[in-house]
Amino acid sequence: QVQLVESGGGLVQAGGSLRLSCAPSGRTFTVYTMAWFRQAPGQDRKFVTALNWIDGSKYYTNSVKGRFTISRDRTKNTQYLQMNSLEPDDTAVYYCAATDRRGVYDTWGQGTQVTVSS
C-alpha cells in the first residue's frame, strides 16, 4: 500500500519561511496530481495548492498566491511546498495528497503541523 510521508513542519515567526516535503513510500507509485491541503483547528480541510505532474500546471488558492510555491523533483519522486512570508492564519496541519488517474484524491499523508506565531 502506498503512503505519503510529509516532513518539514514546525514553529516559525510571522514573516518567516518553511519548506514542506512529501514523498510516497511503499510500492511503485505513478503520480498524476499531488496537492497540499491544510486544516486549522475547528475548521474543515481546505485546498492550498496542486501540481499536475503530467503537464506541470499549478494551482493555488488565492490566500497563498505570491507567498507559496509548489514544486517537484522527479528524480526523488518528491514534492515540495515552499512557504514564505508566513502569517498566523497559515497555522494548520498540512496534508499532502495524490490523485488516482481519474483525479480523485485517494492517497493522503499523515499531516505535518505548521505553527506561525505573531
C-alpha atoms as a PDB file:
ATOM      1  CA  GLN A   1       0.000   0.000   0.000  1.00  0.00           C
ATOM      2  CA  VAL A   2       1.289   3.452  -0.876  1.00  0.00           C
ATOM      3  CA  GLN A   3       1.561   6.098   1.784  1.00  0.00           C
ATOM      4  CA  LEU A   4       2.617   9.698   1.532  1.00  0.00           C
ATOM      5  CA  VAL A   5       5.122  10.947   4.061  1.00  0.00           C
ATOM      6  CA  GLU A   6       5.318  14.631   4.846  1.00  0.00           C
ATOM      7  CA  SER A   7       8.107  16.443   6.632  1.00  0.00           C
ATOM      8  CA  GLY A   8       9.308  19.962   7.275  1.00  0.00           C
ATOM      9  CA  GLY A   9       6.660  21.423   9.539  1.00  0.00           C
ATOM     10  CA  GLY A  10       7.464  23.386  12.649  1.00  0.00           C
ATOM     11  CA  LEU A  11       7.161  26.635  14.535  1.00  0.00           C
ATOM     12  CA  VAL A  12       8.121  29.881  12.838  1.00  0.00           C
ATOM     13  CA  GLN A  13       7.557  33.568  13.466  1.00  0.00           C
ATOM     14  CA  ALA A  14       5.351  35.618  11.207  1.00  0.00           C
ATOM     15  CA  GLY A  15       7.259  36.615   8.104  1.00  0.00           C
ATOM     16  CA  GLY A  16       9.388  33.504   8.221  1.00  0.00           C
ATOM     17  CA  SER A  17       9.653  30.554   5.847  1.00  0.00           C
ATOM     18  CA  LEU A  18       9.281  26.803   5.897  1.00  0.00           C
ATOM     19  CA  ARG A  19       9.598  24.125   3.257  1.00  0.00           C
ATOM     20  CA  LEU A  20       7.450  21.024   3.375  1.00  0.00           C
ATOM     21  CA  SER A  21       8.305  17.808   1.587  1.00  0.00           C
ATOM     22  CA  CYS A  22       6.113  14.927   0.507  1.00  0.00           C
ATOM     23  CA  ALA A  23       7.223  11.613  -0.871  1.00  0.00           C
ATOM     24  CA  PRO A  24       5.436   8.331  -1.423  1.00  0.00           C
ATOM     25  CA  SER A  25       6.589   5.197   0.350  1.00  0.00           C
ATOM     26  CA  GLY A  26       5.682   1.653  -0.415  1.00  0.00           C
ATOM     27  CA  ARG A  27       5.143   0.209  -3.831  1.00  0.00           C
ATOM     28  CA  THR A  28       5.899   1.996  -7.080  1.00  0.00           C
ATOM     29  CA  PHE A  29       3.563   4.911  -7.390  1.00  0.00           C
ATOM     30  CA  THR A  30       2.532   6.820 -10.502  1.00  0.00           C
ATOM     31  CA  VAL A  31       1.976  10.457  -9.681  1.00  0.00           C
ATOM     32  CA  TYR A  32      -0.762  12.260 -11.604  1.00  0.00           C
ATOM     33  CA  THR A  33      -1.539  15.240  -9.400  1.00  0.00           C
ATOM     34  CA  MET A  34      -0.215  15.935  -5.949  1.00  0.00           C
ATOM     35  CA  ALA A  35      -1.571  18.644  -3.747  1.00  0.00           C
ATOM     36  CA  TRP A  36      -1.348  20.244  -0.351  1.00  0.00           C
ATOM     37  CA  PHE A  37      -4.351  20.777   1.863  1.00  0.00           C
ATOM     38  CA  ARG A  38      -4.463  22.296   5.331  1.00  0.00           C
ATOM     39  CA  GLN A  39      -6.742  22.083   8.311  1.00  0.00           C
ATOM     40  CA  ALA A  40      -6.785  24.732  11.004  1.00  0.00           C
ATOM     41  CA  PRO A  41      -8.261  23.996  14.436  1.00  0.00           C
ATOM     42  CA  GLY A  42     -12.041  23.841  14.289  1.00  0.00           C
ATOM     43  CA  GLN A  43     -12.131  24.194  10.512  1.00  0.00           C
ATOM     44  CA  ASP A  44     -12.611  21.913   7.546  1.00  0.00           C
ATOM     45  CA  ARG A  45      -9.681  20.723   5.500  1.00  0.00           C
ATOM     46  CA  LYS A  46      -9.051  23.182   2.666  1.00  0.00           C
ATOM     47  CA  PHE A  47      -7.186  23.115  -0.603  1.00  0.00           C
ATOM     48  CA  VAL A  48      -3.927  25.058  -0.738  1.00  0.00           C
ATOM     49  CA  THR A  49      -2.120  24.178  -3.947  1.00  0.00           C
ATOM     50  CA  ALA A  50      -1.708  21.406  -6.510  1.00  0.00           C
ATOM     51  CA  LEU A  51       0.748  20.371  -9.172  1.00  0.00           C
ATOM     52  CA  ASN A  52      -0.146  18.255 -12.172  1.00  0.00           C
ATOM     53  CA  TRP A  53       2.871  16.012 -12.680  1.00  0.00           C
ATOM     54  CA  ILE A  54       1.809  15.224 -16.246  1.00  0.00           C
ATOM     55  CA  ASP A  55       1.735  18.714 -17.712  1.00  0.00           C
ATOM     56  CA  GLY A  56       3.314  20.777 -14.922  1.00  0.00           C
ATOM     57  CA  SER A  57       0.320  23.032 -14.346  1.00  0.00           C
ATOM     58  CA  LYS A  58      -0.006  24.565 -10.905  1.00  0.00           C
ATOM     59  CA  TYR A  59      -2.964  25.831  -8.933  1.00  0.00           C
ATOM     60  CA  TYR A  60      -3.042  27.969  -5.803  1.00  0.00           C
ATOM     61  CA  THR A  61      -5.747  29.175  -3.515  1.00  0.00           C
ATOM     62  CA  ASN A  62      -5.890  32.967  -3.529  1.00  0.00           C
ATOM     63  CA  SER A  63      -4.669  33.437   0.024  1.00  0.00           C
ATOM     64  CA  VAL A  64      -1.254  31.894  -0.700  1.00  0.00           C
ATOM     65  CA  LYS A  65      -0.568  33.229  -4.186  1.00  0.00           C
ATOM     66  CA  GLY A  66       2.755  35.013  -4.297  1.00  0.00           C
ATOM     67  CA  ARG A  67       3.860  33.513  -0.984  1.00  0.00           C
ATOM     68  CA  PHE A  68       3.781  29.736  -1.502  1.00  0.00           C
ATOM     69  CA  THR A  69       5.431  27.776  -4.298  1.00  0.00           C
ATOM     70  CA  ILE A  70       4.778  24.156  -5.163  1.00  0.00           C
ATOM     71  CA  SER A  71       7.469  22.190  -6.966  1.00  0.00           C
ATOM     72  CA  ARG A  72       8.661  18.660  -7.609  1.00  0.00           C
ATOM     73  CA  ASP A  73      11.809  16.616  -8.020  1.00  0.00           C
ATOM     74  CA  ARG A  74      11.083  13.766 -10.404  1.00  0.00           C
ATOM     75  CA  THR A  75      14.360  12.019  -9.615  1.00  0.00           C
ATOM     76  CA  LYS A  76      13.341  11.778  -5.960  1.00  0.00           C
ATOM     77  CA  ASN A  77       9.602  11.440  -6.658  1.00  0.00           C
ATOM     78  CA  THR A  78       9.180  14.195  -4.100  1.00  0.00           C
ATOM     79  CA  GLN A  79       7.006  17.263  -3.984  1.00  0.00           C
ATOM     80  CA  TYR A  80       7.786  20.427  -2.065  1.00  0.00           C
ATOM     81  CA  LEU A  81       5.877  23.367  -0.704  1.00  0.00           C
ATOM     82  CA  GLN A  82       7.988  26.449  -0.138  1.00  0.00           C
ATOM     83  CA  MET A  83       6.128  28.790   2.178  1.00  0.00           C
ATOM     84  CA  ASN A  84       7.383  32.362   2.514  1.00  0.00           C
ATOM     85  CA  SER A  85       6.013  35.399   4.319  1.00  0.00           C
ATOM     86  CA  LEU A  86       4.117  33.134   6.653  1.00  0.00           C
ATOM     87  CA  GLU A  87       1.202  34.580   8.575  1.00  0.00           C
ATOM     88  CA  PRO A  88      -0.533  33.396  11.759  1.00  0.00           C
ATOM     89  CA  ASP A  89      -3.553  32.435   9.602  1.00  0.00           C
ATOM     90  CA  ASP A  90      -1.332  29.868   7.875  1.00  0.00           C
ATOM     91  CA  THR A  91      -1.215  27.874  11.111  1.00  0.00           C
ATOM     92  CA  ALA A  92      -2.656  24.442  10.383  1.00  0.00           C
ATOM     93  CA  VAL A  93      -1.896  20.805   9.859  1.00  0.00           C
ATOM     94  CA  TYR A  94      -0.715  20.464   6.272  1.00  0.00           C
ATOM     95  CA  TYR A  95      -1.556  17.320   4.357  1.00  0.00           C
ATOM     96  CA  CYS A  96      -0.081  16.002   1.153  1.00  0.00           C
ATOM     97  CA  ALA A  97      -2.480  14.171  -1.158  1.00  0.00           C
ATOM     98  CA  ALA A  98      -2.293  12.463  -4.510  1.00  0.00           C
ATOM     99  CA  THR A  99      -4.910  11.602  -7.066  1.00  0.00           C
ATOM    100  CA  ASP A 100      -5.569   8.463  -8.990  1.00  0.00           C
ATOM    101  CA  ARG A 101      -5.744   8.758 -12.764  1.00  0.00           C
ATOM    102  CA  ARG A 102      -9.394   9.824 -12.536  1.00  0.00           C
ATOM    103  CA  GLY A 103      -8.434  12.857 -10.452  1.00  0.00           C
ATOM    104  CA  VAL A 104      -9.772  11.582  -7.142  1.00  0.00           C
ATOM    105  CA  TYR A 105      -7.607  12.338  -4.118  1.00  0.00           C
ATOM    106  CA  ASP A 106      -7.318   8.819  -2.770  1.00  0.00           C
ATOM    107  CA  THR A 107      -3.895   8.814  -1.104  1.00  0.00           C
ATOM    108  CA  TRP A 108      -3.090  11.018   1.863  1.00  0.00           C
ATOM    109  CA  GLY A 109      -0.243  11.680   4.224  1.00  0.00           C
ATOM    110  CA  GLN A 110      -0.467  11.811   7.983  1.00  0.00           C
ATOM    111  CA  GLY A 111      -0.050  15.584   8.124  1.00  0.00           C
ATOM    112  CA  THR A 112       2.594  17.903   9.463  1.00  0.00           C
ATOM    113  CA  GLN A 113       1.975  20.776  11.853  1.00  0.00           C
ATOM    114  CA  VAL A 114       2.843  24.323  10.844  1.00  0.00           C
ATOM    115  CA  THR A 115       2.547  26.965  13.532  1.00  0.00           C
ATOM    116  CA  VAL A 116       3.148  30.640  12.821  1.00  0.00           C
ATOM    117  CA  SER A 117       3.494  32.896  15.829  1.00  0.00           C
ATOM    118  CA  SER A 118       2.669  36.593  15.716  1.00  0.00           C
END
